Protein backbone atom coordinates (compact mmCIF):
# COMPACT_ATOMS: atom_id res chain seq x y z
CA MET A 1 -52.03 -17.15 -36.08
CA ALA A 2 -50.96 -19.35 -33.14
CA SER A 3 -51.80 -18.19 -29.64
CA PRO A 4 -48.81 -17.12 -27.53
CA VAL A 5 -47.51 -19.79 -25.15
CA ARG A 6 -48.45 -19.00 -21.58
CA PRO A 7 -45.82 -19.37 -18.84
CA ASN A 8 -46.62 -22.06 -16.29
CA ALA A 9 -47.09 -21.49 -12.56
CA LEU A 10 -47.90 -23.80 -9.66
CA VAL A 11 -49.54 -22.30 -6.56
CA THR A 12 -49.75 -24.67 -3.61
CA GLY A 13 -52.71 -24.15 -1.34
CA GLY A 14 -54.11 -22.23 -4.28
CA SER A 15 -57.79 -22.74 -3.59
CA ARG A 16 -58.30 -20.43 -0.62
CA GLY A 17 -57.07 -17.23 1.00
CA ILE A 18 -53.65 -16.00 -0.10
CA GLY A 19 -53.29 -18.91 -2.51
CA ALA A 20 -56.56 -18.17 -4.30
CA ALA A 21 -55.73 -14.46 -4.58
CA THR A 22 -52.29 -15.37 -5.95
CA SER A 23 -53.73 -17.81 -8.48
CA LEU A 24 -56.09 -15.12 -9.78
CA ARG A 25 -53.34 -12.49 -9.87
CA LEU A 26 -50.89 -14.70 -11.79
CA ALA A 27 -53.58 -15.80 -14.23
CA ALA A 28 -54.39 -12.15 -14.91
CA ALA A 29 -50.69 -11.64 -15.63
CA GLY A 30 -50.83 -14.32 -18.32
CA PHE A 31 -49.76 -17.46 -16.48
CA ARG A 32 -51.36 -20.86 -16.92
CA VAL A 33 -51.94 -21.62 -13.23
CA ALA A 34 -52.04 -25.04 -11.58
CA VAL A 35 -54.22 -24.48 -8.50
CA ASN A 36 -53.18 -27.03 -5.90
CA TYR A 37 -55.57 -28.27 -3.22
CA HIS A 38 -55.43 -31.11 -0.72
CA SER A 39 -59.04 -31.87 0.21
CA ASN A 40 -61.38 -29.09 -1.00
CA ARG A 41 -61.84 -29.76 -4.72
CA ALA A 42 -64.88 -27.49 -4.89
CA ALA A 43 -62.87 -24.47 -3.74
CA ALA A 44 -60.14 -25.18 -6.30
CA ASP A 45 -62.71 -25.60 -9.07
CA GLU A 46 -64.25 -22.26 -8.09
CA VAL A 47 -60.88 -20.50 -8.47
CA VAL A 48 -60.32 -22.20 -11.85
CA ALA A 49 -63.80 -21.15 -13.00
CA LYS A 50 -63.12 -17.50 -12.04
CA ILE A 51 -59.84 -17.55 -13.96
CA GLU A 52 -61.43 -19.06 -17.05
CA ALA A 53 -64.34 -16.62 -16.90
CA ASP A 54 -61.80 -13.81 -17.11
CA GLY A 55 -60.15 -15.38 -20.15
CA GLY A 56 -57.28 -17.03 -18.26
CA SER A 57 -56.04 -20.61 -18.12
CA ALA A 58 -55.95 -22.83 -15.04
CA ILE A 59 -56.32 -26.39 -13.79
CA ALA A 60 -57.02 -27.83 -10.35
CA VAL A 61 -54.39 -30.30 -9.12
CA ARG A 62 -54.73 -32.40 -5.99
CA GLY A 63 -51.76 -33.34 -3.84
CA ASP A 64 -50.21 -33.41 -0.38
CA VAL A 65 -47.20 -31.10 -0.71
CA ARG A 66 -45.37 -32.97 2.06
CA ALA A 67 -45.24 -36.20 0.04
CA ALA A 68 -42.40 -36.56 -2.46
CA ASP A 69 -44.51 -38.58 -4.91
CA ASP A 70 -47.31 -36.01 -4.81
CA ALA A 71 -44.79 -33.21 -5.30
CA ALA A 72 -43.46 -34.92 -8.42
CA ALA A 73 -46.98 -35.33 -9.80
CA LEU A 74 -47.85 -31.70 -9.06
CA ILE A 75 -44.79 -30.42 -10.91
CA GLU A 76 -45.54 -32.71 -13.86
CA GLN A 77 -49.15 -31.48 -14.09
CA ALA A 78 -48.12 -27.85 -13.72
CA ALA A 79 -45.50 -28.19 -16.46
CA PRO A 80 -47.03 -30.42 -19.15
CA ASP A 81 -44.59 -29.08 -21.72
CA GLY A 82 -41.62 -29.58 -19.39
CA ARG A 83 -41.41 -25.89 -18.53
CA LEU A 84 -42.15 -24.34 -15.14
CA ASP A 85 -41.77 -20.60 -14.79
CA ALA A 86 -43.02 -19.95 -11.27
CA LEU A 87 -43.58 -21.92 -8.08
CA VAL A 88 -45.43 -20.37 -5.14
CA CYS A 89 -45.22 -22.47 -1.97
CA ASN A 90 -48.16 -21.24 0.06
CA ALA A 91 -49.87 -24.40 1.36
CA ALA A 92 -50.29 -24.62 5.13
CA ALA A 93 -48.61 -28.01 5.37
CA ALA A 94 -48.04 -27.85 9.11
CA SER A 95 -51.00 -27.26 11.41
CA PHE A 96 -50.47 -26.23 15.02
CA VAL A 97 -52.26 -25.13 18.16
CA PRO A 98 -50.57 -22.23 20.02
CA THR A 99 -49.03 -23.88 23.07
CA PRO A 100 -46.50 -22.59 25.63
CA LEU A 101 -43.15 -24.38 25.43
CA GLY A 102 -43.54 -25.65 28.98
CA SER A 103 -46.43 -27.87 27.94
CA LEU A 104 -45.57 -28.46 24.26
CA PRO A 105 -44.54 -32.08 23.58
CA TRP A 106 -41.36 -32.50 21.56
CA SER A 107 -43.28 -34.66 19.09
CA ASP A 108 -45.64 -31.74 18.31
CA PHE A 109 -42.76 -29.25 18.01
CA HIS A 110 -40.81 -31.63 15.77
CA ALA A 111 -43.85 -32.35 13.58
CA LYS A 112 -44.50 -28.63 13.04
CA VAL A 113 -40.95 -27.87 11.92
CA ALA A 114 -40.59 -31.07 9.87
CA ASP A 115 -43.92 -30.64 8.07
CA GLU A 116 -43.16 -26.99 7.29
CA LEU A 117 -39.97 -27.97 5.49
CA ALA A 118 -41.40 -31.15 3.96
CA GLY A 119 -44.13 -28.99 2.41
CA VAL A 120 -41.57 -27.10 0.32
CA TYR A 121 -38.49 -29.32 0.00
CA SER A 122 -39.45 -31.84 -2.69
CA LEU A 123 -41.41 -29.25 -4.66
CA ALA A 124 -38.51 -26.78 -4.66
CA GLN A 125 -36.01 -29.50 -5.54
CA ARG A 126 -38.02 -30.69 -8.53
CA ALA A 127 -38.91 -27.18 -9.66
CA LEU A 128 -35.26 -26.21 -9.55
CA GLY A 129 -34.40 -29.13 -11.81
CA LEU A 130 -36.76 -27.87 -14.52
CA MET A 131 -35.87 -24.22 -14.06
CA ALA A 132 -32.15 -24.94 -14.23
CA GLU A 133 -32.61 -26.53 -17.66
CA GLN A 134 -34.45 -23.39 -18.77
CA GLN A 135 -31.97 -21.04 -17.06
CA HIS A 136 -35.03 -19.18 -15.88
CA GLY A 137 -37.64 -19.33 -13.14
CA SER A 138 -38.86 -17.89 -9.87
CA ILE A 139 -39.73 -19.55 -6.56
CA VAL A 140 -41.60 -17.70 -3.81
CA PHE A 141 -42.22 -19.09 -0.33
CA VAL A 142 -44.97 -17.74 1.92
CA SER A 143 -43.64 -17.38 5.45
CA SER A 144 -44.70 -15.14 8.35
CA THR A 145 -43.42 -12.20 10.37
CA VAL A 146 -43.63 -14.50 13.40
CA ALA A 147 -40.26 -15.88 12.25
CA ASP A 148 -38.69 -12.67 13.63
CA GLY A 149 -40.05 -13.06 17.14
CA PRO A 150 -43.08 -13.96 19.21
CA PRO A 151 -46.16 -11.80 18.67
CA ALA A 152 -48.02 -13.72 21.37
CA PRO A 153 -47.42 -16.61 23.81
CA GLY A 154 -47.44 -20.15 22.48
CA MET A 155 -46.02 -19.41 19.02
CA ALA A 156 -42.55 -20.96 19.41
CA ALA A 157 -43.19 -23.95 17.13
CA HIS A 158 -44.76 -21.83 14.40
CA GLY A 159 -42.07 -19.14 14.61
CA THR A 160 -39.23 -21.66 14.59
CA ALA A 161 -40.72 -23.45 11.58
CA LYS A 162 -41.08 -20.20 9.63
CA ALA A 163 -37.56 -19.10 10.58
CA ALA A 164 -36.27 -22.42 9.24
CA LEU A 165 -38.23 -21.84 6.02
CA ASN A 166 -36.63 -18.40 5.61
CA THR A 167 -33.16 -19.85 6.11
CA PHE A 168 -33.83 -22.65 3.65
CA ALA A 169 -34.95 -20.09 1.08
CA ARG A 170 -31.73 -18.09 1.47
CA PHE A 171 -29.55 -21.17 0.97
CA LEU A 172 -31.64 -22.19 -2.04
CA ALA A 173 -31.31 -18.69 -3.49
CA CYS A 174 -27.52 -18.93 -3.34
CA GLU A 175 -27.47 -22.28 -5.14
CA ALA A 176 -30.19 -21.37 -7.64
CA GLY A 177 -28.88 -17.95 -8.67
CA PRO A 178 -26.07 -19.20 -10.95
CA LEU A 179 -28.70 -21.37 -12.68
CA GLY A 180 -30.82 -18.35 -13.56
CA VAL A 181 -33.42 -19.03 -10.87
CA ARG A 182 -34.56 -16.49 -8.27
CA VAL A 183 -35.83 -17.47 -4.82
CA ASN A 184 -37.64 -15.07 -2.47
CA VAL A 185 -39.97 -15.04 0.53
CA VAL A 186 -43.01 -13.01 1.45
CA ALA A 187 -43.68 -12.75 5.16
CA PRO A 188 -47.19 -11.54 5.98
CA GLY A 189 -48.36 -10.52 9.39
CA PHE A 190 -52.03 -10.95 10.18
CA VAL A 191 -54.05 -11.42 6.97
CA ARG A 192 -57.83 -11.27 6.78
CA THR A 193 -58.87 -14.60 5.17
CA GLU A 194 -61.34 -17.41 5.77
CA ALA A 195 -58.80 -19.04 8.06
CA SER A 196 -58.58 -15.95 10.30
CA ALA A 197 -62.30 -15.22 10.34
CA GLY A 198 -62.53 -16.28 13.98
CA ILE A 199 -60.10 -13.59 15.20
CA PRO A 200 -62.05 -11.09 17.32
CA GLU A 201 -62.78 -7.77 15.63
CA ALA A 202 -61.29 -5.90 18.59
CA LEU A 203 -57.96 -7.66 18.09
CA GLN A 204 -58.04 -6.90 14.37
CA ARG A 205 -58.59 -3.21 15.16
CA HIS A 206 -55.68 -3.31 17.60
CA LEU A 207 -53.41 -4.82 14.95
CA ALA A 208 -54.54 -2.21 12.44
CA ASP A 209 -53.83 0.61 14.91
CA ARG A 210 -50.28 -0.71 15.43
CA ALA A 211 -49.51 -0.71 11.71
CA PRO A 212 -48.18 2.54 10.20
CA LEU A 213 -50.52 1.97 7.23
CA ARG A 214 -53.40 1.68 9.72
CA ARG A 215 -55.09 -1.46 8.49
CA VAL A 216 -54.58 -5.22 8.42
CA ALA A 217 -53.64 -7.07 5.26
CA GLU A 218 -56.05 -8.61 2.79
CA ALA A 219 -55.11 -11.71 0.80
CA GLU A 220 -54.78 -9.55 -2.31
CA ASP A 221 -52.04 -7.48 -0.63
CA VAL A 222 -49.89 -10.58 -0.26
CA ALA A 223 -50.76 -11.81 -3.76
CA ARG A 224 -49.56 -8.52 -5.25
CA ALA A 225 -46.23 -8.85 -3.44
CA ILE A 226 -45.84 -12.41 -4.71
CA ALA A 227 -46.63 -11.37 -8.28
CA MET A 228 -44.14 -8.51 -8.00
CA LEU A 229 -41.35 -10.89 -6.92
CA ILE A 230 -42.17 -13.29 -9.75
CA GLY A 231 -42.33 -10.54 -12.36
CA ASP A 232 -39.50 -9.12 -14.43
CA ASP A 233 -39.43 -5.88 -12.44
CA ALA A 234 -37.86 -7.90 -9.58
CA GLY A 235 -35.41 -9.57 -11.95
CA PHE A 236 -32.39 -8.64 -9.80
CA VAL A 237 -34.01 -9.59 -6.48
CA THR A 238 -33.22 -12.94 -4.88
CA GLY A 239 -32.76 -14.19 -1.33
CA ALA A 240 -35.07 -11.47 0.01
CA VAL A 241 -37.60 -11.85 2.81
CA VAL A 242 -40.27 -9.21 2.16
CA PRO A 243 -42.61 -8.38 5.05
CA VAL A 244 -46.18 -7.67 3.99
CA ASP A 245 -47.54 -6.22 7.21
CA GLY A 246 -48.23 -2.54 6.69
CA GLY A 247 -45.01 -1.68 8.52
CA SER A 248 -45.92 -3.41 11.80
CA THR A 249 -42.54 -5.11 12.21
CA VAL A 250 -40.60 -1.85 11.96
CA SER A 251 -42.90 0.23 14.15
CA ARG A 252 -42.41 0.54 17.90
CA MET A 253 -45.53 2.64 18.32
């Protein structure tokens, strides 16, 4: 008896943090996961090995998500049979150093916003082409609650870039919906990952105390939200920006 065909998913920045947790979560749900990485092949291979050890299917795929040619290659590798069921745009394509606007060069501000959008544009465009042929598919972008306002000084470039990402997702959702494709956003607040390991413990406790759920997020919390939006239970949800922050953005306490 032939094995059932697994749906295909591509997770950008899938080798660490939120991306790694999402890759593992989708694999457990039955997806064949393409785990994208840019420079750390060992980390991607480790995620693939964990998935395979649990009976799942995954491959590591290298590429710079900002480059159109790399985006095309990533989609091709993630969909070897011409079918792509889920795209998770999680890669941190746009690095930044928190800087007050008064001393932030326009070139740095422009690069942050441009790289943020470049990191999703070609991928989403190519994914939509495949999904439209199928009349089925789900795209999830990983944004941030900082898009709704400054949590600290020096975050204008990051917040503006994430706000632009949210707006892009809403426009894409409107165009993709009639094609059978859903587009949503998860917007985490602070998430405890390798990348945030340098944040002082006192600040983490402060953030936890401000959240109605009284803790900070783990990568798995965000991965579960992503998997929910991709899954059939969210089949009538599109154009949504879902905060994953324990209620911090709605609390004034």
